[in-house]
Amino acid sequence: MPLEEYAAKRRFENTPEPPPGTHTSKPGANYFCVQRHDATRLHYDFRLEIDGVLKSWAVPKGPTLDPGLKHFAAHVEDHPIEYGGFEGTIPKGNYGAGSVMLWDRGTFELLGDASGAEQIARGDLKFRLHGEKLKGDFALVHMKGRGKGNDWLIIKKRDEFAVPGWDVESHAYSVLSGRTQEEIARNLPARETKRETAGAADRTWESRPAKRAGKAGPATTQAGRPVPPERAGEAGEEATQARMPVLPKKKRLMPGA
């Protein structure tokens, strides 16, 4: 699926999504990401960097660490590498309108001797994820002869990272900005981030490592929401208060902007 299909579906003068650029993958590049997309229907977009593009699958129920589940994944058009850092809101009237959260990101390694393209062609793609939320061995399996020909399953393998009963919705926060889906849709400031938010190019965010503390009571966010288990160790201000953005010169970021 060439990037022409990606470009044909979008009007880049009306959407903050990145157009296909000049970025090319380095040999052995292995970035992956998952974006939580609240469009007509909430779903998760699972992407693997293979042959200079992000091979992409739309997963309605999201990926899981539960090895007992097999979630449907629709193979969709390739996305440019630049899309792997995108978080923001696609305006109404555009393809895929709605808020997009960078839900997870990291690197992956293919399992087996065959290339990624060869594994996709045969309908059995095996890989190991090293993400902030997703870790361990997975497989994408093509259900040949089903539907429109783009029906796949994403499956977590049984390994030390498998978690029976794991719930994807218990981890609904951005690894880029720390925001919830609603906060992204409202274009609220980042809580915590590690690099610029692609959906708001005029903002630059300060990056600070989280402070760790000893045992404490259950942590909550500034709005009183429970902190997801992975973040519960970030006690004190690092876990309870939103981090303030570093603004560009001669610009101000108004609350709720």
Foldseek 3Di string as FASTA:
>chain_A
DDCVVVVVQWDVVQFLADRADDDFDDVPFWKWFKKFAPFPATWIWTWIDARGWTFIWTWRQDDALAQVDKTKTFGDDTHGPVRLQAFAARDPPGPSGAGMARLKMDGKAWPDDDGQVVCVVVFWTKMADDMPQDGGIKIWGFPPPDDPRRIIIIGHDDDPSRDHPTHPVLRQAHQAFRHHRVCRRLVFHGQAHDFDHSRDNQFTFDHDDADFDDDDPFDAECVGHGDRPSCRRRDDCSRHYGDDTDGDPPDDDDGSD
